[in-house]
Amino acid sequence: MSPEPITPRSSAIAGGPPASTAASVVMNRCDELATHSALPDGLIERVYLSPQHAAVNARTGQWMRAAGLTTWQDPAGNQCARLDGHRQGLPALLLASHLDTVPSAGRYDGILGVLIALAVAERIAASVPAADRPVALEVLAFGDEEGTRFGTTLLGSRAVAGTWDPNWWTLEDADGVTLHDAYLAFGLDPAAVGAAARTPAELVGYLEAHIEQGPVLDEAELPLGVVTSIAGARRFQIVVEGAAGHSGTPWARRRDALAGASEAVLAIERIARGDAGHPTGLIATVGHLVVFPDAVNVIAGRVEFSLDLRGEFDDARDTAWLGIKAAMTAMSERRGLQVTWEQTHSASAAHCSERMRGVVAAGIRSTESAEPDAAAPPELFSMAGHDAMALAAVTEIGMLFVRCAGGVSHHPDESVTEADVARAIDALEAAVLDLFEQYRAEAVPVGAEGSDSP
């Protein structure tokens, strides 16, 4: 299958194919990548370091090369491409998102952002001469944002940000395969993962387009929005232990772990929601629960469940966790149970820079045929985590949200329109060109020697 070209917007203005051609190609590419799945019957699951991961990297790499970009797969398994500036060695503006999925996923979460970024890079390669590019432009397709296989999110982007944790090598998937061994099976060298890291001197910024994963834009009947910040998240594995026993055991003698876990889950919801009329800015989710011995006529002796706790501000999130711990401890003492917990993930809240928010907003406005005094593009806080969170450790970040029907995400019904995708491509391109002007005026210094090399 030969790669389809993206038509630069300048050609469309000059009388070539309409600007919507680029969006049509992006939508078709989303459909094609959806076929690379570990699940049958049209369902989508594509996890880190799997054969499906290798397949989408290879196909995306073909499209990147057809766009005129130099490509490579980095030591963390991320698919990368670069368009140089007016000379080699210049620092880069990164456009990125991820290609991995959750189980039974939709086809746009992450994937759409990668392909919009590629469409923009292809337009700029065709319409902006190298001599007019003050910095390099890179497109990154991260291999693991969701954490589906090894339980720890943002592995691909954290490698690029230089925040890789060596303790991750012993993480195991459901089949008992360690992350270390999965690297070897994928053809990667675990000892070389540090070479994926970028330094602040090599970068000038990061932009990510992503479906909203919420209903705000859809309910407002608006196609695009500006992200202000991304929630900080902490994840825990919690265990409640009691004593298994016959279902005929009298109430006074029961040490029911499931009853205790149920009380804990309700306490989590109560604390995170806060009092009526006093929103906390927090979201807490218990999405996984396992009961032992899991028999209809046996009192549960052990329950394991997950907690995903997110907030716009880290201090409020952490205060809520202290309250949750106190509530679970009180519950366990009252019921004669034992409760323990282990933190499995932590990420600080990330705030988009004023500069990046500004260029994204300006890019959105450039797609509108509105009066000069029209309302500014909507600003949204993201409760969902994104690769931008990891890159905030090394450069300034910005995000563009694209409307998603009904706010449905992480589900096969995930849906976007071609018209919205067309506007997102135009908006992100305008944002990049705006940044080019700013970087040109600021005379951005050259990055680390050889930073343009794969």
Protein backbone atom coordinates (compact mmCIF):
# COMPACT_ATOMS: atom_id res chain seq x y z
CA MET A 1 0.00 0.00 0.00
CA SER A 2 1.63 3.24 -1.09
CA PRO A 3 1.62 6.24 1.26
CA GLU A 4 -0.93 8.94 0.48
CA PRO A 5 0.42 12.48 0.26
CA ILE A 6 -0.90 15.30 2.40
CA THR A 7 -1.72 18.42 0.39
CA PRO A 8 -0.08 21.58 1.77
CA ARG A 9 -2.60 24.24 2.65
CA SER A 10 -0.76 26.71 0.39
CA SER A 11 -1.47 24.47 -2.60
CA ALA A 12 -5.14 24.33 -1.74
CA ILE A 13 -5.26 28.12 -1.57
CA ALA A 14 -3.59 28.28 -4.98
CA GLY A 15 -6.37 26.20 -6.47
CA GLY A 16 -5.22 22.66 -5.74
CA PRO A 17 -7.21 20.01 -3.87
CA PRO A 18 -9.31 21.30 -0.97
CA ALA A 19 -7.84 21.58 2.51
CA SER A 20 -10.13 18.76 3.65
CA THR A 21 -7.95 16.33 1.66
CA ALA A 22 -5.46 16.25 4.53
CA ALA A 23 -8.19 15.39 7.04
CA SER A 24 -9.52 12.63 4.79
CA VAL A 25 -6.05 11.08 4.62
CA VAL A 26 -5.69 11.29 8.40
CA MET A 27 -9.06 9.60 8.94
CA ASN A 28 -8.14 6.82 6.52
CA ARG A 29 -4.83 6.31 8.27
CA CYS A 30 -6.59 6.04 11.64
CA ASP A 31 -8.75 3.31 10.12
CA GLU A 32 -5.70 1.48 8.79
CA LEU A 33 -3.79 1.57 12.07
CA ALA A 34 -6.91 0.24 13.81
CA THR A 35 -6.46 -3.02 11.90
CA HIS A 36 -3.24 -3.70 13.81
CA SER A 37 -4.78 -5.21 16.92
CA ALA A 38 -4.34 -8.15 19.27
CA LEU A 39 -8.14 -8.54 19.55
CA PRO A 40 -10.53 -10.20 17.07
CA ASP A 41 -13.79 -8.98 15.57
CA GLY A 42 -12.67 -5.45 14.85
CA LEU A 43 -11.86 -4.63 18.49
CA ILE A 44 -8.63 -2.73 19.13
CA GLU A 45 -5.83 -3.46 21.56
CA ARG A 46 -2.25 -2.50 20.83
CA VAL A 47 0.25 -2.59 23.67
CA TYR A 48 3.87 -1.61 24.16
CA LEU A 49 6.56 -3.78 22.57
CA SER A 50 4.04 -6.08 20.89
CA PRO A 51 3.99 -7.25 17.24
CA GLN A 52 1.20 -4.72 16.70
CA HIS A 53 3.41 -1.96 18.09
CA ALA A 54 6.13 -2.93 15.62
CA ALA A 55 3.63 -2.94 12.75
CA VAL A 56 2.24 0.55 13.40
CA ASN A 57 5.75 1.94 13.89
CA ALA A 58 6.75 0.54 10.52
CA ARG A 59 3.67 1.86 8.73
CA THR A 60 3.90 5.28 10.36
CA GLY A 61 7.57 5.38 9.46
CA GLN A 62 6.63 4.85 5.80
CA TRP A 63 4.25 7.81 5.94
CA MET A 64 6.90 9.93 7.65
CA ARG A 65 9.47 9.20 4.96
CA ALA A 66 6.94 9.88 2.21
CA ALA A 67 6.40 13.29 3.84
CA GLY A 68 10.07 14.10 3.35
CA LEU A 69 11.18 13.51 6.95
CA THR A 70 14.20 11.62 8.27
CA THR A 71 13.03 8.70 10.43
CA TRP A 72 14.30 6.42 13.16
CA GLN A 73 13.05 4.28 16.03
CA ASP A 74 14.59 5.48 19.28
CA PRO A 75 16.00 3.21 22.04
CA ALA A 76 12.64 3.22 23.85
CA GLY A 77 10.68 2.00 20.81
CA ASN A 78 9.20 5.39 19.89
CA GLN A 79 8.84 6.09 16.15
CA CYS A 80 10.49 9.43 15.37
CA ALA A 81 10.91 11.76 12.39
CA ARG A 82 12.71 15.07 11.82
CA LEU A 83 12.51 17.97 9.42
CA ASP A 84 15.65 20.05 9.74
CA GLY A 85 15.75 23.81 9.98
CA HIS A 86 18.03 26.18 8.09
CA ARG A 87 21.02 24.14 9.28
CA GLN A 88 21.66 20.89 11.04
CA GLY A 89 21.95 20.75 14.80
CA LEU A 90 19.19 23.22 15.58
CA PRO A 91 16.92 22.51 18.57
CA ALA A 92 13.53 21.03 17.73
CA LEU A 93 9.88 21.76 18.26
CA LEU A 94 8.23 18.43 19.04
CA LEU A 95 4.77 17.46 17.74
CA ALA A 96 3.68 14.18 19.26
CA SER A 97 1.19 11.76 20.77
CA HIS A 98 0.97 7.97 21.16
CA LEU A 99 0.06 4.88 19.12
CA ASP A 100 -0.68 2.38 21.93
CA THR A 101 -4.20 1.73 23.21
CA VAL A 102 -6.24 0.43 26.11
CA PRO A 103 -8.16 -2.86 25.64
CA SER A 104 -11.24 -2.54 23.41
CA ALA A 105 -10.15 0.96 22.47
CA GLY A 106 -11.33 3.57 20.04
CA ARG A 107 -9.22 4.47 17.03
CA TYR A 108 -8.46 8.14 17.79
CA ASP A 109 -7.08 8.44 21.34
CA GLY A 110 -3.41 9.28 20.73
CA ILE A 111 -3.40 8.02 17.16
CA LEU A 112 -5.21 11.08 15.83
CA GLY A 113 -2.64 13.36 17.45
CA VAL A 114 0.27 11.55 15.82
CA LEU A 115 -1.33 11.70 12.39
CA ILE A 116 -2.38 15.36 12.72
CA ALA A 117 1.23 16.15 13.69
CA LEU A 118 2.49 14.28 10.63
CA ALA A 119 0.02 16.11 8.38
CA VAL A 120 1.30 19.44 9.70
CA ALA A 121 4.95 18.45 9.27
CA GLU A 122 4.27 17.34 5.71
CA ARG A 123 2.60 20.64 4.89
CA ILE A 124 5.49 22.61 6.35
CA ALA A 125 8.05 20.47 4.54
CA ALA A 126 6.30 21.30 1.26
CA SER A 127 5.49 24.96 1.86
CA VAL A 128 8.22 26.41 4.11
CA PRO A 129 11.74 26.34 2.62
CA ALA A 130 14.46 25.02 4.92
CA ALA A 131 16.10 28.46 4.90
CA ASP A 132 12.94 29.86 6.54
CA ARG A 133 12.79 27.31 9.35
CA PRO A 134 14.45 28.80 12.46
CA VAL A 135 14.27 25.47 14.32
CA ALA A 136 13.85 21.81 13.44
CA LEU A 137 10.45 20.12 13.57
CA GLU A 138 10.07 16.59 14.90
CA VAL A 139 7.11 14.21 14.96
CA LEU A 140 7.14 11.56 17.68
CA ALA A 141 4.83 8.55 17.97
CA PHE A 142 5.23 7.33 21.53
CA GLY A 143 5.04 3.58 22.11
CA ASP A 144 3.45 3.55 25.56
CA GLU A 145 1.22 6.20 27.08
CA GLU A 146 -1.63 4.06 28.41
CA GLY A 147 0.37 1.64 30.56
CA THR A 148 -1.86 -1.24 29.49
CA ARG A 149 0.81 -3.92 29.39
CA PHE A 150 3.10 -3.13 32.34
CA GLY A 151 0.82 -0.98 34.51
CA THR A 152 3.01 2.14 34.48
CA THR A 153 2.00 4.91 32.11
CA LEU A 154 4.01 7.27 29.89
CA LEU A 155 6.95 4.90 29.40
CA GLY A 156 7.70 6.19 25.88
CA SER A 157 7.51 9.88 26.70
CA ARG A 158 9.31 9.52 30.02
CA ALA A 159 12.23 7.95 28.20
CA VAL A 160 12.36 11.00 25.92
CA ALA A 161 12.04 13.35 28.89
CA GLY A 162 14.97 11.66 30.62
CA THR A 163 12.91 10.53 33.62
CA TRP A 164 13.16 6.78 33.08
CA ASP A 165 13.13 4.79 36.34
CA PRO A 166 15.43 1.73 36.37
CA ASN A 167 13.02 0.05 38.79
CA TRP A 168 10.64 -0.40 35.87
CA TRP A 169 12.79 -3.15 34.35
CA THR A 170 11.30 -5.73 36.74
CA LEU A 171 7.66 -4.84 35.93
CA GLU A 172 5.77 -7.85 34.57
CA ASP A 173 2.87 -8.18 32.16
CA ALA A 174 -0.04 -10.58 32.63
CA ASP A 175 2.06 -13.42 31.21
CA GLY A 176 4.96 -12.82 33.58
CA VAL A 177 7.21 -11.23 30.93
CA THR A 178 9.36 -8.50 32.42
CA LEU A 179 9.81 -5.13 30.77
CA HIS A 180 13.52 -5.95 30.44
CA ASP A 181 12.81 -9.16 28.53
CA ALA A 182 10.16 -7.47 26.40
CA TYR A 183 12.79 -4.92 25.32
CA LEU A 184 15.10 -7.71 24.23
CA ALA A 185 12.31 -9.52 22.35
CA PHE A 186 11.43 -6.28 20.53
CA GLY A 187 15.06 -5.88 19.43
CA LEU A 188 15.89 -3.06 21.84
CA ASP A 189 18.85 -2.81 24.20
CA PRO A 190 17.73 -2.05 27.77
CA ALA A 191 21.14 -0.59 28.54
CA ALA A 192 20.68 2.00 25.78
CA VAL A 193 17.31 3.45 26.89
CA GLY A 194 19.03 6.54 28.28
CA ALA A 195 20.01 7.52 24.75
CA ALA A 196 16.33 8.28 24.02
CA ALA A 197 16.45 11.25 26.42
CA ARG A 198 16.49 14.82 25.14
CA THR A 199 18.00 17.76 26.99
CA PRO A 200 16.42 21.20 27.36
CA ALA A 201 19.05 22.58 24.98
CA GLU A 202 17.84 20.25 22.24
CA LEU A 203 14.21 21.39 22.46
CA VAL A 204 12.24 24.61 22.07
CA GLY A 205 8.81 23.25 22.94
CA TYR A 206 6.19 20.53 22.66
CA LEU A 207 2.71 20.59 21.12
CA GLU A 208 0.17 17.77 21.22
CA ALA A 209 -3.21 17.45 19.55
CA HIS A 210 -5.60 15.02 21.26
CA ILE A 211 -9.28 14.23 21.43
CA GLU A 212 -10.82 15.89 24.47
CA GLN A 213 -11.93 12.68 26.25
CA GLY A 214 -14.72 14.72 27.79
CA PRO A 215 -18.01 16.35 26.75
CA VAL A 216 -17.22 20.07 27.15
CA LEU A 217 -16.52 20.89 23.50
CA ASP A 218 -19.29 18.64 22.22
CA GLU A 219 -21.89 20.17 24.53
CA ALA A 220 -20.72 23.68 23.59
CA GLU A 221 -20.88 22.74 19.88
CA LEU A 222 -17.27 23.84 19.39
CA PRO A 223 -14.65 21.88 17.43
CA LEU A 224 -11.41 22.85 19.20
CA GLY A 225 -10.16 24.02 22.58
CA VAL A 226 -7.00 25.15 24.37
CA VAL A 227 -5.68 22.99 27.22
CA THR A 228 -4.56 24.96 30.27
CA SER A 229 -3.23 22.13 32.44
CA ILE A 230 -3.23 18.37 32.91
CA ALA A 231 -4.22 16.67 36.14
CA GLY A 232 -1.59 15.19 38.39
CA ALA A 233 -2.28 11.52 39.02
CA ARG A 234 -1.43 8.95 41.66
CA ARG A 235 -2.34 5.29 41.38
CA PHE A 236 -2.50 2.73 44.16
CA GLN A 237 -3.04 -0.99 44.54
CA ILE A 238 -5.04 -1.52 47.75
CA VAL A 239 -5.55 -4.83 49.58
CA VAL A 240 -8.20 -5.50 52.24
CA GLU A 241 -7.75 -8.75 54.17
CA GLY A 242 -10.23 -10.42 56.50
CA ALA A 243 -11.17 -14.07 56.95
CA ALA A 244 -12.92 -16.31 54.45
CA GLY A 245 -15.81 -18.29 55.92
CA HIS A 246 -19.11 -19.99 55.23
CA SER A 247 -21.96 -17.69 54.22
CA GLY A 248 -23.88 -18.93 57.26
CA THR A 249 -21.35 -17.35 59.67
CA PRO A 250 -23.14 -15.06 62.19
CA TRP A 251 -22.72 -11.31 61.76
CA ALA A 252 -20.70 -10.88 64.93
CA ARG A 253 -18.07 -13.37 63.77
CA ARG A 254 -17.62 -12.10 60.22
CA ARG A 255 -14.46 -10.39 58.96
CA ASP A 256 -15.79 -9.65 55.48
CA ALA A 257 -13.10 -8.15 53.26
CA LEU A 258 -15.57 -7.30 50.50
CA ALA A 259 -17.86 -5.38 52.85
CA GLY A 260 -14.83 -3.46 54.08
CA ALA A 261 -13.60 -2.79 50.55
CA SER A 262 -17.06 -1.57 49.57
CA GLU A 263 -17.01 0.89 52.46
CA ALA A 264 -13.55 2.03 51.38
CA VAL A 265 -14.68 2.61 47.79
CA LEU A 266 -17.61 4.74 48.98
CA ALA A 267 -15.26 6.71 51.27
CA ILE A 268 -12.97 7.35 48.30
CA GLU A 269 -15.88 8.73 46.29
CA ARG A 270 -17.11 10.89 49.18
CA ILE A 271 -13.71 12.40 49.90
CA ALA A 272 -12.83 13.10 46.27
CA ARG A 273 -16.21 14.65 45.50
CA GLY A 274 -16.21 16.86 48.57
CA ASP A 275 -19.28 18.46 50.13
CA ALA A 276 -22.16 19.43 47.85
CA GLY A 277 -21.54 22.81 46.28
CA HIS A 278 -17.82 22.73 47.09
CA PRO A 279 -16.09 21.01 44.14
CA THR A 280 -12.62 19.71 44.90
CA GLY A 281 -11.22 19.58 41.38
CA LEU A 282 -10.51 15.91 42.04
CA ILE A 283 -11.52 12.69 40.34
CA ALA A 284 -11.13 9.25 41.95
CA THR A 285 -11.72 5.98 40.13
CA VAL A 286 -11.78 2.39 41.36
CA GLY A 287 -11.71 0.54 38.05
CA HIS A 288 -10.35 -2.87 39.01
CA LEU A 289 -11.47 -5.15 41.86
CA VAL A 290 -10.72 -8.82 42.54
CA VAL A 291 -12.38 -10.91 45.26
CA PHE A 292 -10.92 -14.06 46.86
CA PRO A 293 -11.97 -16.83 46.99
CA ASP A 294 -14.77 -15.54 44.72
CA ALA A 295 -17.49 -18.07 45.57
CA VAL A 296 -21.19 -17.38 45.96
CA ASN A 297 -21.46 -19.00 49.40
CA VAL A 298 -18.12 -17.91 50.89
CA ILE A 299 -17.40 -14.68 52.76
CA ALA A 300 -14.61 -12.83 50.96
CA GLY A 301 -11.29 -13.20 52.77
CA ARG A 302 -9.30 -10.84 50.56
CA VAL A 303 -10.07 -8.05 48.10
CA GLU A 304 -7.63 -6.24 45.84
CA PHE A 305 -8.64 -3.04 44.10
CA SER A 306 -7.11 -0.12 42.26
CA LEU A 307 -7.36 3.60 42.90
CA ASP A 308 -6.66 6.28 40.31
CA LEU A 309 -6.67 9.71 42.01
CA ARG A 310 -6.33 12.86 39.89
CA GLY A 311 -6.41 16.58 40.54
CA GLU A 312 -5.63 19.92 38.96
CA PHE A 313 -3.38 20.75 41.91
CA ASP A 314 -1.04 18.25 43.52
CA ASP A 315 -1.50 19.52 47.07
CA ALA A 316 -5.28 19.05 46.98
CA ARG A 317 -4.85 15.58 45.50
CA ASP A 318 -2.33 14.61 48.16
CA THR A 319 -4.52 15.97 50.96
CA ALA A 320 -7.38 13.84 49.65
CA TRP A 321 -5.15 10.77 49.72
CA LEU A 322 -4.35 11.43 53.39
CA GLY A 323 -8.08 11.55 54.07
CA ILE A 324 -8.66 8.32 52.16
CA LYS A 325 -5.92 6.56 54.11
CA ALA A 326 -7.41 7.71 57.40
CA ALA A 327 -10.88 6.55 56.39
CA MET A 328 -9.62 3.11 55.31
CA THR A 329 -7.62 2.71 58.51
CA ALA A 330 -10.64 3.58 60.64
CA MET A 331 -12.77 1.14 58.63
CA SER A 332 -10.28 -1.68 59.05
CA GLU A 333 -10.01 -1.18 62.81
CA ARG A 334 -13.78 -1.10 63.23
CA ARG A 335 -14.31 -4.25 61.15
CA GLY A 336 -11.31 -6.24 62.35
CA LEU A 337 -9.65 -6.16 58.91
CA GLN A 338 -6.19 -5.34 57.63
CA VAL A 339 -5.73 -2.80 54.84
CA THR A 340 -2.47 -2.12 52.97
CA TRP A 341 -1.62 -0.06 49.92
CA GLU A 342 1.18 0.39 47.41
CA GLN A 343 1.62 3.37 45.10
CA THR A 344 2.16 2.17 41.53
CA HIS A 345 2.26 5.48 39.66
CA SER A 346 2.77 9.17 40.38
CA ALA A 347 2.79 12.14 38.02
CA SER A 348 2.70 15.79 38.96
CA ALA A 349 0.15 18.14 37.44
CA ALA A 350 1.47 19.82 34.29
CA HIS A 351 0.61 23.37 33.27
CA CYS A 352 0.77 24.53 29.68
CA SER A 353 2.97 27.58 29.22
CA GLU A 354 1.55 30.99 28.44
CA ARG A 355 3.38 31.00 25.10
CA MET A 356 2.03 27.63 24.04
CA ARG A 357 -1.52 28.43 25.16
CA GLY A 358 -1.27 31.63 23.13
CA VAL A 359 -0.17 30.03 19.88
CA VAL A 360 -2.77 27.27 20.16
CA ALA A 361 -5.50 29.86 20.75
CA ALA A 362 -4.25 31.94 17.83
CA GLY A 363 -4.17 28.84 15.66
CA ILE A 364 -7.79 28.05 16.51
CA ARG A 365 -8.85 31.63 15.78
CA SER A 366 -7.12 31.45 12.39
CA THR A 367 -9.52 28.67 11.35
CA GLU A 368 -12.64 30.68 12.18
CA SER A 369 -14.53 33.12 9.98
CA ALA A 370 -15.61 35.10 13.02
CA GLU A 371 -15.94 38.76 13.86
CA PRO A 372 -12.89 40.35 15.52
CA ASP A 373 -14.74 40.54 18.84
CA ALA A 374 -15.79 36.87 18.79
CA ALA A 375 -15.33 34.91 21.98
CA ALA A 376 -11.88 33.49 22.63
CA PRO A 377 -11.43 29.73 22.09
CA PRO A 378 -12.53 27.71 25.14
CA GLU A 379 -9.90 26.82 27.72
CA LEU A 380 -10.11 23.35 29.25
CA PHE A 381 -8.45 21.57 32.13
CA SER A 382 -7.65 17.93 31.31
CA MET A 383 -8.43 15.28 33.91
CA ALA A 384 -7.01 12.68 31.52
CA GLY A 385 -3.25 12.19 31.47
CA HIS A 386 -1.18 12.79 28.34
CA ASP A 387 2.40 12.47 27.11
CA ALA A 388 2.70 16.25 27.45
CA MET A 389 2.90 15.66 31.23
CA ALA A 390 6.20 13.82 30.82
CA LEU A 391 7.67 16.36 28.40
CA ALA A 392 6.90 19.19 30.83
CA ALA A 393 9.97 18.01 32.75
CA VAL A 394 12.25 19.09 29.91
CA THR A 395 10.49 21.80 27.84
CA GLU A 396 7.41 24.03 27.72
CA ILE A 397 4.22 22.31 26.58
CA GLY A 398 0.92 23.11 24.89
CA MET A 399 -2.10 21.06 23.86
CA LEU A 400 -4.96 21.35 21.37
CA PHE A 401 -8.16 19.47 22.15
CA VAL A 402 -10.39 18.16 19.35
CA ARG A 403 -14.09 17.57 19.96
CA CYS A 404 -15.05 13.96 20.51
CA ALA A 405 -18.68 12.89 20.14
CA GLY A 406 -20.41 12.69 23.52
CA GLY A 407 -17.08 12.83 25.29
CA VAL A 408 -16.77 9.05 24.76
CA SER A 409 -13.20 7.72 24.84
CA HIS A 410 -11.37 4.47 25.65
CA HIS A 411 -14.29 2.75 23.91
CA PRO A 412 -15.03 1.49 20.37
CA ASP A 413 -17.64 4.26 20.00
CA GLU A 414 -14.94 6.96 20.11
CA SER A 415 -15.74 9.34 17.23
CA VAL A 416 -14.53 12.54 15.58
CA THR A 417 -15.62 14.30 12.40
CA GLU A 418 -13.51 14.92 9.34
CA ALA A 419 -14.44 18.61 9.45
CA ASP A 420 -13.09 18.93 13.00
CA VAL A 421 -9.90 17.12 12.02
CA ALA A 422 -9.43 19.51 9.10
CA ARG A 423 -9.71 22.48 11.45
CA ALA A 424 -7.32 20.85 13.93
CA ILE A 425 -4.69 20.39 11.20
CA ASP A 426 -5.08 24.03 10.15
CA ALA A 427 -4.94 25.24 13.75
CA LEU A 428 -1.84 23.23 14.67
CA GLU A 429 -0.08 24.32 11.48
CA ALA A 430 -0.86 27.96 12.27
CA ALA A 431 0.46 27.47 15.81
CA VAL A 432 3.73 26.02 14.48
CA LEU A 433 4.16 28.88 12.01
CA ASP A 434 3.47 31.38 14.79
CA LEU A 435 6.17 29.73 16.89
CA PHE A 436 8.56 29.84 13.94
CA GLU A 437 8.11 33.61 13.83
CA GLN A 438 8.71 33.90 17.57
CA TYR A 439 11.79 31.68 17.50
CA ARG A 440 13.17 33.57 14.52
CA ALA A 441 12.78 36.86 16.38
CA GLU A 442 14.37 35.41 19.51
CA ALA A 443 17.30 33.81 17.65
CA VAL A 444 16.97 30.47 19.46
CA PRO A 445 20.46 29.12 20.26
CA VAL A 446 21.75 25.97 18.63
CA GLY A 447 21.11 22.84 20.69
CA ALA A 448 23.47 20.09 21.69
CA GLU A 449 25.95 19.01 19.05
CA GLY A 450 24.49 16.31 16.84
CA SER A 451 20.98 16.63 18.28
CA ASP A 452 19.49 16.09 14.83
CA SER A 453 20.88 12.59 14.55
CA PRO A 454 18.66 9.55 15.07
